[in-house]
Amino acid sequence: MKAVVCRSPGDLVLEDRAAPGAPPPGWARVAISHVGICGTDYHIFEGKHPFLAYPRIMGHEVSGT
């Protein structure tokens, strides 16, 4: 699968990542079709988010089936 990774402020790369394993009982796996960015992602890119470390996978607003 693909992931947009912010390695450090201002440094974005598209990386291949291993797919996650099987979900635990009671959970579901969603096939992601679209990912959005929001203010949090923008602050991560700018280096202005105070509560995280780099590298960071971007795009936590997703939709799929």
N, C-alpha and C. Protein backbone atom coordinates (compact mmCIF):
# COMPACT_ATOMS: atom_id res chain seq x y z
N MET A 1 0.84 -1.17 0.00
CA MET A 1 0.00 0.00 0.00
C MET A 1 0.89 1.24 0.00
N LYS A 2 0.31 2.37 -0.32
CA LYS A 2 1.06 3.63 -0.38
C LYS A 2 0.77 4.47 0.85
N ALA A 3 1.75 5.25 1.26
CA ALA A 3 1.58 6.16 2.38
C ALA A 3 2.35 7.44 2.09
N VAL A 4 1.72 8.58 2.38
CA VAL A 4 2.42 9.86 2.31
C VAL A 4 3.05 10.08 3.68
N VAL A 5 4.36 10.21 3.69
CA VAL A 5 5.11 10.32 4.94
C VAL A 5 5.79 11.68 4.99
N CYS A 6 5.58 12.37 6.08
CA CYS A 6 6.31 13.62 6.33
C CYS A 6 7.54 13.23 7.16
N ARG A 7 8.69 13.21 6.51
CA ARG A 7 9.93 12.80 7.20
C ARG A 7 10.39 13.85 8.20
N SER A 8 10.20 15.09 7.83
CA SER A 8 10.54 16.23 8.67
C SER A 8 9.75 17.41 8.11
N PRO A 9 9.67 18.52 8.82
CA PRO A 9 8.89 19.64 8.29
C PRO A 9 9.31 19.99 6.86
N GLY A 10 8.30 20.05 5.97
CA GLY A 10 8.54 20.40 4.58
C GLY A 10 9.02 19.27 3.70
N ASP A 11 9.19 18.06 4.23
CA ASP A 11 9.74 16.93 3.47
C ASP A 11 8.72 15.81 3.39
N LEU A 12 7.96 15.76 2.27
CA LEU A 12 6.96 14.71 2.04
C LEU A 12 7.48 13.72 1.02
N VAL A 13 7.22 12.43 1.26
CA VAL A 13 7.56 11.39 0.30
C VAL A 13 6.40 10.40 0.23
N LEU A 14 6.25 9.76 -0.92
CA LEU A 14 5.28 8.69 -1.10
C LEU A 14 6.04 7.38 -0.97
N GLU A 15 5.64 6.55 0.00
CA GLU A 15 6.35 5.30 0.27
C GLU A 15 5.43 4.11 0.12
N ASP A 16 6.02 2.97 -0.25
CA ASP A 16 5.32 1.70 -0.20
C ASP A 16 5.42 1.18 1.23
N ARG A 17 4.31 0.74 1.77
CA ARG A 17 4.26 0.19 3.13
C ARG A 17 3.57 -1.16 3.10
N ALA A 18 3.92 -2.02 4.02
CA ALA A 18 3.26 -3.33 4.12
C ALA A 18 1.81 -3.12 4.56
N ALA A 19 0.93 -3.93 4.01
CA ALA A 19 -0.48 -3.88 4.43
C ALA A 19 -0.59 -4.40 5.86
N PRO A 20 -1.53 -3.86 6.62
CA PRO A 20 -1.70 -4.35 7.99
C PRO A 20 -2.19 -5.79 8.00
N GLY A 21 -1.97 -6.47 9.10
CA GLY A 21 -2.43 -7.84 9.24
C GLY A 21 -3.94 -7.91 9.39
N ALA A 22 -4.43 -9.11 9.60
CA ALA A 22 -5.87 -9.32 9.76
C ALA A 22 -6.38 -8.55 10.98
N PRO A 23 -7.56 -7.95 10.87
CA PRO A 23 -8.10 -7.22 12.02
C PRO A 23 -8.54 -8.19 13.13
N PRO A 24 -8.51 -7.74 14.36
CA PRO A 24 -8.96 -8.59 15.46
C PRO A 24 -10.47 -8.80 15.41
N PRO A 25 -10.98 -9.78 16.12
CA PRO A 25 -12.43 -10.02 16.13
C PRO A 25 -13.20 -8.76 16.52
N GLY A 26 -14.28 -8.52 15.79
CA GLY A 26 -15.12 -7.36 16.06
C GLY A 26 -14.68 -6.10 15.32
N TRP A 27 -13.55 -6.13 14.66
CA TRP A 27 -13.06 -5.00 13.88
C TRP A 27 -13.31 -5.28 12.41
N ALA A 28 -13.15 -4.27 11.57
CA ALA A 28 -13.33 -4.43 10.13
C ALA A 28 -12.17 -3.76 9.40
N ARG A 29 -11.84 -4.30 8.25
CA ARG A 29 -10.85 -3.66 7.39
C ARG A 29 -11.62 -2.89 6.32
N VAL A 30 -11.23 -1.65 6.08
CA VAL A 30 -11.89 -0.79 5.10
C VAL A 30 -10.95 -0.58 3.92
N ALA A 31 -11.47 -0.78 2.71
CA ALA A 31 -10.70 -0.50 1.50
C ALA A 31 -10.79 1.00 1.25
N ILE A 32 -9.70 1.70 1.46
CA ILE A 32 -9.68 3.16 1.35
C ILE A 32 -9.71 3.58 -0.11
N SER A 33 -10.63 4.48 -0.44
CA SER A 33 -10.71 4.98 -1.81
C SER A 33 -10.27 6.44 -1.92
N HIS A 34 -10.42 7.20 -0.84
CA HIS A 34 -10.04 8.61 -0.85
C HIS A 34 -9.47 9.01 0.51
N VAL A 35 -8.52 9.92 0.48
CA VAL A 35 -7.93 10.46 1.71
C VAL A 35 -7.88 11.97 1.58
N GLY A 36 -8.30 12.64 2.63
CA GLY A 36 -8.23 14.10 2.64
C GLY A 36 -7.16 14.59 3.59
N ILE A 37 -6.82 15.84 3.45
CA ILE A 37 -5.91 16.46 4.41
C ILE A 37 -6.68 17.53 5.16
N CYS A 38 -6.23 17.84 6.33
CA CYS A 38 -6.90 18.84 7.14
C CYS A 38 -5.85 19.76 7.77
N GLY A 39 -6.30 20.61 8.64
CA GLY A 39 -5.39 21.54 9.30
C GLY A 39 -4.28 20.85 10.07
N THR A 40 -4.59 19.72 10.69
CA THR A 40 -3.56 18.98 11.43
C THR A 40 -2.44 18.56 10.50
N ASP A 41 -2.80 18.01 9.33
CA ASP A 41 -1.78 17.59 8.37
C ASP A 41 -0.93 18.79 7.92
N TYR A 42 -1.58 19.90 7.70
CA TYR A 42 -0.87 21.11 7.28
C TYR A 42 0.11 21.55 8.36
N HIS A 43 -0.31 21.51 9.62
CA HIS A 43 0.58 21.89 10.72
C HIS A 43 1.74 20.91 10.86
N ILE A 44 1.49 19.62 10.62
CA ILE A 44 2.57 18.64 10.64
C ILE A 44 3.59 18.99 9.56
N PHE A 45 3.11 19.27 8.35
CA PHE A 45 4.00 19.62 7.25
C PHE A 45 4.81 20.87 7.56
N GLU A 46 4.17 21.85 8.18
CA GLU A 46 4.86 23.10 8.52
C GLU A 46 5.80 22.97 9.72
N GLY A 47 5.68 21.87 10.48
CA GLY A 47 6.49 21.72 11.68
C GLY A 47 5.92 22.46 12.87
N LYS A 48 4.62 22.75 12.84
CA LYS A 48 4.00 23.54 13.90
C LYS A 48 3.05 22.73 14.79
N HIS A 49 3.12 21.39 14.70
CA HIS A 49 2.28 20.56 15.57
C HIS A 49 3.11 20.15 16.77
N PRO A 50 2.70 20.53 17.98
CA PRO A 50 3.56 20.34 19.15
C PRO A 50 3.58 18.94 19.75
N PHE A 51 2.69 18.03 19.32
CA PHE A 51 2.54 16.77 20.04
C PHE A 51 2.91 15.53 19.22
N LEU A 52 3.85 15.61 18.32
CA LEU A 52 4.20 14.43 17.54
C LEU A 52 5.67 14.41 17.20
N ALA A 53 6.10 13.25 16.71
CA ALA A 53 7.48 13.07 16.27
C ALA A 53 7.48 12.69 14.79
N TYR A 54 8.57 12.93 14.14
CA TYR A 54 8.73 12.57 12.73
C TYR A 54 9.57 11.31 12.63
N PRO A 55 9.38 10.50 11.61
CA PRO A 55 8.45 10.67 10.49
C PRO A 55 7.01 10.40 10.91
N ARG A 56 6.07 10.94 10.14
CA ARG A 56 4.64 10.84 10.44
C ARG A 56 3.88 10.54 9.16
N ILE A 57 3.03 9.51 9.17
CA ILE A 57 2.16 9.23 8.03
C ILE A 57 1.03 10.24 8.03
N MET A 58 0.81 10.84 6.88
CA MET A 58 -0.20 11.90 6.74
C MET A 58 -1.53 11.32 6.26
N GLY A 59 -2.60 12.11 6.41
CA GLY A 59 -3.90 11.77 5.85
C GLY A 59 -4.73 10.88 6.74
N HIS A 60 -5.36 11.43 7.76
CA HIS A 60 -6.17 10.62 8.67
C HIS A 60 -7.67 10.78 8.43
N GLU A 61 -8.05 11.50 7.39
CA GLU A 61 -9.47 11.64 7.05
C GLU A 61 -9.72 10.80 5.81
N VAL A 62 -10.33 9.63 6.01
CA VAL A 62 -10.43 8.64 4.93
C VAL A 62 -11.88 8.27 4.66
N SER A 63 -12.11 7.74 3.46
CA SER A 63 -13.41 7.15 3.14
C SER A 63 -13.16 5.91 2.30
N GLY A 64 -14.06 4.97 2.39
CA GLY A 64 -13.92 3.73 1.64
C GLY A 64 -15.07 2.80 1.92
N THR A 65 -14.88 1.54 1.52
CA THR A 65 -15.93 0.53 1.70
C THR A 65 -15.39 -0.68 2.41
